[in-house]
Amino acid sequence: MPDYPSSLIDSEWEVIRPLLPDSPLTMRGRPREHSRRSILNGIFYILRTGGAWRMMPNDLPNWKTCYHYCRLWAKQGHWERIHHAIRDRARLKHGKKKPRLLRSSIAKAFAQLANPDFVALMRVRKLQEERDMSW
């Protein structure tokens, strides 16, 4: 395995490994050529260097493989879950509390604001108010 400044050390890998999705129970398709750790090292190499995916070194997994898993884990919410777990661990290590979750009333308000029907209704009301205010 190549050693880059962005590569995971063993202690970091032990923290991240349980947070990654397990391999599917049904073994459909080709067996994996690369370990999840080497795929993460490829993703972290790109994030650290800011280079293009196609310019990954040949001793890391293929850029298409790393890109695929980066996108898949982002869509499935794994990156966010990993981020929250590492943040909570760091906060507890420094004697701080875990951040509180949003209250359900705030979450409902955000969901309502994101609803396109609600946005359309608010625009209609605004137009009606502007017409009523004419001199």
N, C-alpha and C. Protein backbone atom coordinates (compact mmCIF):
# COMPACT_ATOMS: atom_id res chain seq x y z
N MET A 1 0.86 -1.18 0.00
CA MET A 1 0.00 0.00 0.00
C MET A 1 0.90 1.23 0.00
N PRO A 2 0.62 2.19 -0.86
CA PRO A 2 1.46 3.39 -0.93
C PRO A 2 1.32 4.24 0.33
N ASP A 3 2.36 5.00 0.60
CA ASP A 3 2.35 5.85 1.79
C ASP A 3 2.41 7.31 1.35
N TYR A 4 1.28 7.98 1.46
CA TYR A 4 1.17 9.40 1.14
C TYR A 4 0.81 10.14 2.42
N PRO A 5 1.01 11.46 2.47
CA PRO A 5 0.60 12.20 3.66
C PRO A 5 -0.90 12.09 3.94
N SER A 6 -1.68 11.80 2.92
CA SER A 6 -3.13 11.69 3.10
C SER A 6 -3.56 10.28 3.49
N SER A 7 -2.65 9.32 3.50
CA SER A 7 -3.01 7.93 3.81
C SER A 7 -3.40 7.78 5.27
N LEU A 8 -4.33 6.88 5.52
CA LEU A 8 -4.79 6.61 6.88
C LEU A 8 -3.74 5.84 7.66
N ILE A 9 -3.52 6.24 8.90
CA ILE A 9 -2.67 5.44 9.77
C ILE A 9 -3.57 4.43 10.48
N ASP A 10 -2.98 3.45 11.14
CA ASP A 10 -3.77 2.36 11.71
C ASP A 10 -4.79 2.84 12.74
N SER A 11 -4.43 3.79 13.56
CA SER A 11 -5.38 4.27 14.58
C SER A 11 -6.56 4.99 13.93
N GLU A 12 -6.32 5.73 12.86
CA GLU A 12 -7.41 6.40 12.14
C GLU A 12 -8.32 5.37 11.47
N TRP A 13 -7.69 4.35 10.90
CA TRP A 13 -8.46 3.31 10.23
C TRP A 13 -9.36 2.58 11.22
N GLU A 14 -8.88 2.33 12.43
CA GLU A 14 -9.69 1.64 13.43
C GLU A 14 -10.90 2.47 13.84
N VAL A 15 -10.80 3.79 13.76
CA VAL A 15 -11.95 4.65 14.08
C VAL A 15 -12.95 4.65 12.94
N ILE A 16 -12.46 4.70 11.70
CA ILE A 16 -13.34 4.83 10.54
C ILE A 16 -13.94 3.50 10.10
N ARG A 17 -13.23 2.41 10.28
CA ARG A 17 -13.68 1.12 9.76
C ARG A 17 -15.09 0.73 10.19
N PRO A 18 -15.47 0.84 11.47
CA PRO A 18 -16.84 0.45 11.82
C PRO A 18 -17.91 1.39 11.26
N LEU A 19 -17.52 2.58 10.83
CA LEU A 19 -18.49 3.55 10.31
C LEU A 19 -18.78 3.35 8.83
N LEU A 20 -17.92 2.62 8.14
CA LEU A 20 -18.12 2.38 6.71
C LEU A 20 -19.18 1.31 6.50
N PRO A 21 -19.88 1.36 5.37
CA PRO A 21 -20.89 0.33 5.11
C PRO A 21 -20.22 -1.02 4.90
N ASP A 22 -20.89 -2.05 5.38
CA ASP A 22 -20.38 -3.41 5.17
C ASP A 22 -20.56 -3.81 3.73
N SER A 23 -19.83 -4.83 3.34
CA SER A 23 -20.02 -5.32 1.97
C SER A 23 -21.37 -6.01 1.90
N PRO A 24 -22.02 -5.93 0.76
CA PRO A 24 -23.35 -6.52 0.65
C PRO A 24 -23.32 -8.02 0.91
N LEU A 25 -24.38 -8.54 1.52
CA LEU A 25 -24.44 -9.96 1.84
C LEU A 25 -24.58 -10.81 0.60
N THR A 26 -25.25 -10.29 -0.40
CA THR A 26 -25.37 -11.03 -1.65
C THR A 26 -24.14 -10.72 -2.48
N MET A 27 -23.45 -11.72 -2.87
CA MET A 27 -22.21 -11.53 -3.63
C MET A 27 -22.52 -11.49 -5.13
N ARG A 28 -23.21 -10.43 -5.54
CA ARG A 28 -23.48 -10.27 -6.95
C ARG A 28 -22.35 -9.45 -7.57
N GLY A 29 -22.06 -9.68 -8.81
CA GLY A 29 -21.03 -8.92 -9.49
C GLY A 29 -19.64 -9.45 -9.20
N ARG A 30 -18.67 -8.68 -9.59
CA ARG A 30 -17.28 -9.09 -9.43
C ARG A 30 -16.85 -8.96 -7.98
N PRO A 31 -15.93 -9.80 -7.55
CA PRO A 31 -15.38 -9.62 -6.20
C PRO A 31 -14.52 -8.36 -6.15
N ARG A 32 -14.38 -7.80 -4.98
CA ARG A 32 -13.61 -6.57 -4.84
C ARG A 32 -12.13 -6.81 -5.10
N GLU A 33 -11.53 -5.90 -5.84
CA GLU A 33 -10.09 -5.96 -6.07
C GLU A 33 -9.32 -5.18 -5.00
N HIS A 34 -9.95 -4.15 -4.45
CA HIS A 34 -9.28 -3.24 -3.52
C HIS A 34 -10.02 -3.24 -2.18
N SER A 35 -9.25 -3.08 -1.13
CA SER A 35 -9.85 -2.98 0.20
C SER A 35 -10.50 -1.62 0.37
N ARG A 36 -11.40 -1.53 1.35
CA ARG A 36 -12.05 -0.25 1.61
C ARG A 36 -11.02 0.78 2.08
N ARG A 37 -9.99 0.32 2.78
CA ARG A 37 -8.95 1.24 3.25
C ARG A 37 -8.18 1.85 2.08
N SER A 38 -7.85 1.04 1.08
CA SER A 38 -7.11 1.58 -0.06
C SER A 38 -8.00 2.53 -0.88
N ILE A 39 -9.30 2.24 -0.94
CA ILE A 39 -10.23 3.14 -1.63
C ILE A 39 -10.30 4.48 -0.89
N LEU A 40 -10.39 4.42 0.45
CA LEU A 40 -10.38 5.65 1.24
C LEU A 40 -9.09 6.42 1.06
N ASN A 41 -7.97 5.72 1.00
CA ASN A 41 -6.69 6.40 0.77
C ASN A 41 -6.69 7.12 -0.57
N GLY A 42 -7.30 6.51 -1.60
CA GLY A 42 -7.40 7.17 -2.90
C GLY A 42 -8.29 8.40 -2.84
N ILE A 43 -9.42 8.30 -2.15
CA ILE A 43 -10.33 9.44 -2.02
C ILE A 43 -9.65 10.57 -1.25
N PHE A 44 -8.99 10.22 -0.14
CA PHE A 44 -8.32 11.23 0.67
C PHE A 44 -7.14 11.87 -0.08
N TYR A 45 -6.49 11.10 -0.96
CA TYR A 45 -5.41 11.66 -1.77
C TYR A 45 -5.95 12.78 -2.65
N ILE A 46 -7.07 12.53 -3.32
CA ILE A 46 -7.67 13.54 -4.20
C ILE A 46 -8.13 14.75 -3.39
N LEU A 47 -8.76 14.50 -2.24
CA LEU A 47 -9.24 15.62 -1.42
C LEU A 47 -8.08 16.45 -0.89
N ARG A 48 -7.01 15.80 -0.52
CA ARG A 48 -5.86 16.52 0.05
C ARG A 48 -5.09 17.31 -1.01
N THR A 49 -4.90 16.70 -2.17
CA THR A 49 -4.10 17.37 -3.21
C THR A 49 -4.93 18.33 -4.05
N GLY A 50 -6.24 18.09 -4.13
CA GLY A 50 -7.08 18.94 -4.96
C GLY A 50 -6.92 18.66 -6.43
N GLY A 51 -6.34 17.52 -6.75
CA GLY A 51 -6.11 17.17 -8.16
C GLY A 51 -7.35 16.57 -8.79
N ALA A 52 -7.24 16.30 -10.08
CA ALA A 52 -8.34 15.68 -10.82
C ALA A 52 -8.35 14.18 -10.55
N TRP A 53 -9.52 13.59 -10.62
CA TRP A 53 -9.64 12.16 -10.38
C TRP A 53 -8.76 11.37 -11.34
N ARG A 54 -8.73 11.79 -12.59
CA ARG A 54 -7.98 11.03 -13.59
C ARG A 54 -6.46 11.14 -13.41
N MET A 55 -6.02 12.00 -12.52
CA MET A 55 -4.58 12.18 -12.31
C MET A 55 -4.08 11.44 -11.06
N MET A 56 -4.86 10.47 -10.59
CA MET A 56 -4.44 9.69 -9.42
C MET A 56 -3.23 8.84 -9.79
N PRO A 57 -2.31 8.66 -8.85
CA PRO A 57 -1.15 7.81 -9.13
C PRO A 57 -1.58 6.36 -9.39
N ASN A 58 -0.75 5.64 -10.10
CA ASN A 58 -1.09 4.26 -10.47
C ASN A 58 -1.00 3.29 -9.30
N ASP A 59 -0.31 3.65 -8.21
CA ASP A 59 -0.21 2.72 -7.09
C ASP A 59 -1.42 2.80 -6.16
N LEU A 60 -2.35 3.70 -6.42
CA LEU A 60 -3.64 3.75 -5.72
C LEU A 60 -4.67 3.03 -6.58
N PRO A 61 -5.85 2.71 -6.02
CA PRO A 61 -6.88 2.08 -6.86
C PRO A 61 -7.25 2.98 -8.04
N ASN A 62 -7.87 2.38 -9.02
CA ASN A 62 -8.29 3.09 -10.23
C ASN A 62 -9.17 4.28 -9.84
N TRP A 63 -9.03 5.38 -10.55
CA TRP A 63 -9.78 6.59 -10.21
C TRP A 63 -11.27 6.37 -10.30
N LYS A 64 -11.72 5.53 -11.25
CA LYS A 64 -13.15 5.28 -11.40
C LYS A 64 -13.72 4.56 -10.18
N THR A 65 -12.93 3.65 -9.61
CA THR A 65 -13.36 2.93 -8.42
C THR A 65 -13.50 3.89 -7.24
N CYS A 66 -12.50 4.73 -7.03
CA CYS A 66 -12.53 5.68 -5.92
C CYS A 66 -13.67 6.68 -6.11
N TYR A 67 -13.84 7.17 -7.31
CA TYR A 67 -14.91 8.12 -7.59
C TYR A 67 -16.28 7.48 -7.34
N HIS A 68 -16.45 6.24 -7.79
CA HIS A 68 -17.71 5.52 -7.61
C HIS A 68 -18.06 5.43 -6.13
N TYR A 69 -17.12 4.99 -5.31
CA TYR A 69 -17.40 4.84 -3.89
C TYR A 69 -17.59 6.19 -3.20
N CYS A 70 -16.86 7.19 -3.62
CA CYS A 70 -17.03 8.53 -3.04
C CYS A 70 -18.45 9.02 -3.29
N ARG A 71 -18.95 8.89 -4.50
CA ARG A 71 -20.31 9.31 -4.84
C ARG A 71 -21.37 8.45 -4.16
N LEU A 72 -21.15 7.12 -4.16
CA LEU A 72 -22.12 6.20 -3.57
C LEU A 72 -22.27 6.48 -2.08
N TRP A 73 -21.15 6.62 -1.39
CA TRP A 73 -21.21 6.87 0.05
C TRP A 73 -21.79 8.24 0.35
N ALA A 74 -21.59 9.20 -0.54
CA ALA A 74 -22.20 10.52 -0.34
C ALA A 74 -23.71 10.44 -0.50
N LYS A 75 -24.18 9.74 -1.52
CA LYS A 75 -25.62 9.60 -1.74
C LYS A 75 -26.29 8.86 -0.60
N GLN A 76 -25.61 7.87 -0.04
CA GLN A 76 -26.19 7.08 1.03
C GLN A 76 -26.03 7.73 2.40
N GLY A 77 -25.35 8.86 2.47
CA GLY A 77 -25.22 9.59 3.72
C GLY A 77 -24.12 9.09 4.63
N HIS A 78 -23.22 8.27 4.14
CA HIS A 78 -22.16 7.72 4.99
C HIS A 78 -21.12 8.78 5.37
N TRP A 79 -20.82 9.70 4.46
CA TRP A 79 -19.83 10.74 4.78
C TRP A 79 -20.33 11.62 5.91
N GLU A 80 -21.60 11.96 5.88
CA GLU A 80 -22.18 12.79 6.94
C GLU A 80 -22.15 12.05 8.27
N ARG A 81 -22.48 10.76 8.24
CA ARG A 81 -22.47 9.96 9.46
C ARG A 81 -21.05 9.84 10.02
N ILE A 82 -20.07 9.64 9.14
CA ILE A 82 -18.67 9.56 9.57
C ILE A 82 -18.23 10.89 10.18
N HIS A 83 -18.61 11.98 9.53
CA HIS A 83 -18.25 13.30 10.03
C HIS A 83 -18.82 13.54 11.43
N HIS A 84 -20.10 13.22 11.63
CA HIS A 84 -20.73 13.43 12.93
C HIS A 84 -20.07 12.57 14.00
N ALA A 85 -19.75 11.33 13.66
CA ALA A 85 -19.13 10.43 14.65
C ALA A 85 -17.74 10.92 15.06
N ILE A 86 -16.95 11.38 14.09
CA ILE A 86 -15.61 11.86 14.41
C ILE A 86 -15.68 13.18 15.17
N ARG A 87 -16.62 14.06 14.79
CA ARG A 87 -16.81 15.32 15.50
C ARG A 87 -17.20 15.07 16.95
N ASP A 88 -18.15 14.16 17.16
CA ASP A 88 -18.60 13.86 18.53
C ASP A 88 -17.46 13.26 19.35
N ARG A 89 -16.68 12.42 18.74
CA ARG A 89 -15.53 11.81 19.44
C ARG A 89 -14.52 12.88 19.85
N ALA A 90 -14.23 13.81 18.95
CA ALA A 90 -13.28 14.88 19.25
C ALA A 90 -13.82 15.80 20.34
N ARG A 91 -15.12 16.11 20.30
CA ARG A 91 -15.71 16.97 21.33
C ARG A 91 -15.65 16.31 22.70
N LEU A 92 -15.97 15.03 22.77
CA LEU A 92 -15.93 14.32 24.04
C LEU A 92 -14.50 14.21 24.57
N LYS A 93 -13.55 14.05 23.67
CA LYS A 93 -12.14 13.96 24.07
C LYS A 93 -11.68 15.26 24.71
N HIS A 94 -12.20 16.40 24.26
CA HIS A 94 -11.81 17.71 24.79
C HIS A 94 -12.75 18.21 25.88
N GLY A 95 -13.60 17.32 26.40
CA GLY A 95 -14.45 17.66 27.52
C GLY A 95 -15.69 18.46 27.17
N LYS A 96 -16.09 18.46 25.92
CA LYS A 96 -17.30 19.18 25.51
C LYS A 96 -18.45 18.20 25.32
N LYS A 97 -19.65 18.73 25.28
CA LYS A 97 -20.83 17.89 25.08
C LYS A 97 -21.06 17.65 23.59
N LYS A 98 -21.82 16.60 23.32
CA LYS A 98 -22.25 16.37 21.94
C LYS A 98 -23.22 17.47 21.55
N PRO A 99 -23.20 17.93 20.30
CA PRO A 99 -24.19 18.95 19.89
C PRO A 99 -25.59 18.36 19.91
N ARG A 100 -26.53 19.18 20.30
CA ARG A 100 -27.92 18.73 20.35
C ARG A 100 -28.50 18.65 18.95
N LEU A 101 -29.43 17.75 18.80
CA LEU A 101 -30.16 17.65 17.53
C LEU A 101 -31.18 18.77 17.47
N LEU A 102 -31.63 19.11 16.27
CA LEU A 102 -32.67 20.12 16.12
C LEU A 102 -33.96 19.63 16.74
N ARG A 103 -34.67 20.52 17.38
CA ARG A 103 -35.97 20.13 17.92
C ARG A 103 -36.92 19.81 16.77
N SER A 104 -37.90 19.01 17.07
CA SER A 104 -38.82 18.57 16.01
C SER A 104 -39.57 19.75 15.39
N SER A 105 -39.86 20.79 16.18
CA SER A 105 -40.58 21.94 15.62
C SER A 105 -39.73 22.69 14.60
N ILE A 106 -38.44 22.79 14.87
CA ILE A 106 -37.53 23.45 13.92
C ILE A 106 -37.40 22.60 12.66
N ALA A 107 -37.28 21.29 12.85
CA ALA A 107 -37.16 20.40 11.69
C ALA A 107 -38.41 20.46 10.83
N LYS A 108 -39.59 20.55 11.48
CA LYS A 108 -40.84 20.64 10.72
C LYS A 108 -40.90 21.96 9.95
N ALA A 109 -40.44 23.04 10.56
CA ALA A 109 -40.45 24.33 9.88
C ALA A 109 -39.56 24.31 8.65
N PHE A 110 -38.36 23.73 8.77
CA PHE A 110 -37.47 23.63 7.62
C PHE A 110 -38.09 22.77 6.53
N ALA A 111 -38.75 21.68 6.91
CA ALA A 111 -39.39 20.82 5.91
C ALA A 111 -40.51 21.57 5.20
N GLN A 112 -41.25 22.37 5.95
CA GLN A 112 -42.34 23.13 5.35
C GLN A 112 -41.80 24.19 4.39
N LEU A 113 -40.72 24.85 4.77
CA LEU A 113 -40.14 25.88 3.90
C LEU A 113 -39.58 25.29 2.62
N ALA A 114 -39.14 24.05 2.67
CA ALA A 114 -38.58 23.40 1.49
C ALA A 114 -39.65 22.87 0.55
N ASN A 115 -40.89 22.83 1.00
CA ASN A 115 -41.99 22.31 0.19
C ASN A 115 -42.33 23.30 -0.92
N PRO A 116 -42.31 22.88 -2.20
CA PRO A 116 -42.60 23.80 -3.30
C PRO A 116 -44.02 24.38 -3.24
N ASP A 117 -44.98 23.62 -2.74
CA ASP A 117 -46.35 24.13 -2.63
C ASP A 117 -46.41 25.30 -1.65
N PHE A 118 -45.67 25.18 -0.56
CA PHE A 118 -45.65 26.25 0.43
C PHE A 118 -45.01 27.51 -0.15
N VAL A 119 -43.95 27.35 -0.91
CA VAL A 119 -43.28 28.49 -1.53
C VAL A 119 -44.22 29.18 -2.51
N ALA A 120 -44.95 28.40 -3.30
CA ALA A 120 -45.89 28.98 -4.26
C ALA A 120 -47.01 29.73 -3.54
N LEU A 121 -47.49 29.17 -2.44
CA LEU A 121 -48.54 29.82 -1.67
C LEU A 121 -48.04 31.16 -1.11
N MET A 122 -46.84 31.20 -0.62
CA MET A 122 -46.28 32.44 -0.07
C MET A 122 -46.11 33.50 -1.16
N ARG A 123 -45.73 33.08 -2.36
CA ARG A 123 -45.61 34.04 -3.47
C ARG A 123 -46.96 34.64 -3.84
N VAL A 124 -47.99 33.80 -3.87
CA VAL A 124 -49.34 34.27 -4.18
C VAL A 124 -49.79 35.27 -3.13
N ARG A 125 -49.56 34.97 -1.88
CA ARG A 125 -49.96 35.89 -0.80
C ARG A 125 -49.22 37.21 -0.91
N LYS A 126 -47.95 37.16 -1.25
CA LYS A 126 -47.17 38.39 -1.38
C LYS A 126 -47.72 39.25 -2.52
N LEU A 127 -48.06 38.62 -3.64
CA LEU A 127 -48.63 39.37 -4.77
C LEU A 127 -49.98 40.00 -4.39
N GLN A 128 -50.79 39.26 -3.63
CA GLN A 128 -52.08 39.80 -3.20
C GLN A 128 -51.89 41.01 -2.28
N GLU A 129 -50.91 40.91 -1.37
CA GLU A 129 -50.64 42.04 -0.46
C GLU A 129 -50.17 43.26 -1.24
N GLU A 130 -49.36 43.04 -2.26
CA GLU A 130 -48.86 44.18 -3.06
C GLU A 130 -50.01 44.84 -3.82
N ARG A 131 -50.97 44.06 -4.30
CA ARG A 131 -52.12 44.64 -4.99
C ARG A 131 -53.02 45.42 -4.04
N ASP A 132 -53.16 44.92 -2.83
CA ASP A 132 -54.00 45.59 -1.84
C ASP A 132 -53.41 46.90 -1.36
N MET A 133 -52.10 47.06 -1.47
CA MET A 133 -51.44 48.26 -0.98
C MET A 133 -51.39 49.38 -2.02
N SER A 134 -51.97 49.18 -3.19
CA SER A 134 -51.91 50.22 -4.22
C SER A 134 -52.69 51.47 -3.77
N TRP A 135 -52.22 52.63 -4.12
CA TRP A 135 -52.80 53.91 -3.69
C TRP A 135 -53.89 54.28 -4.59
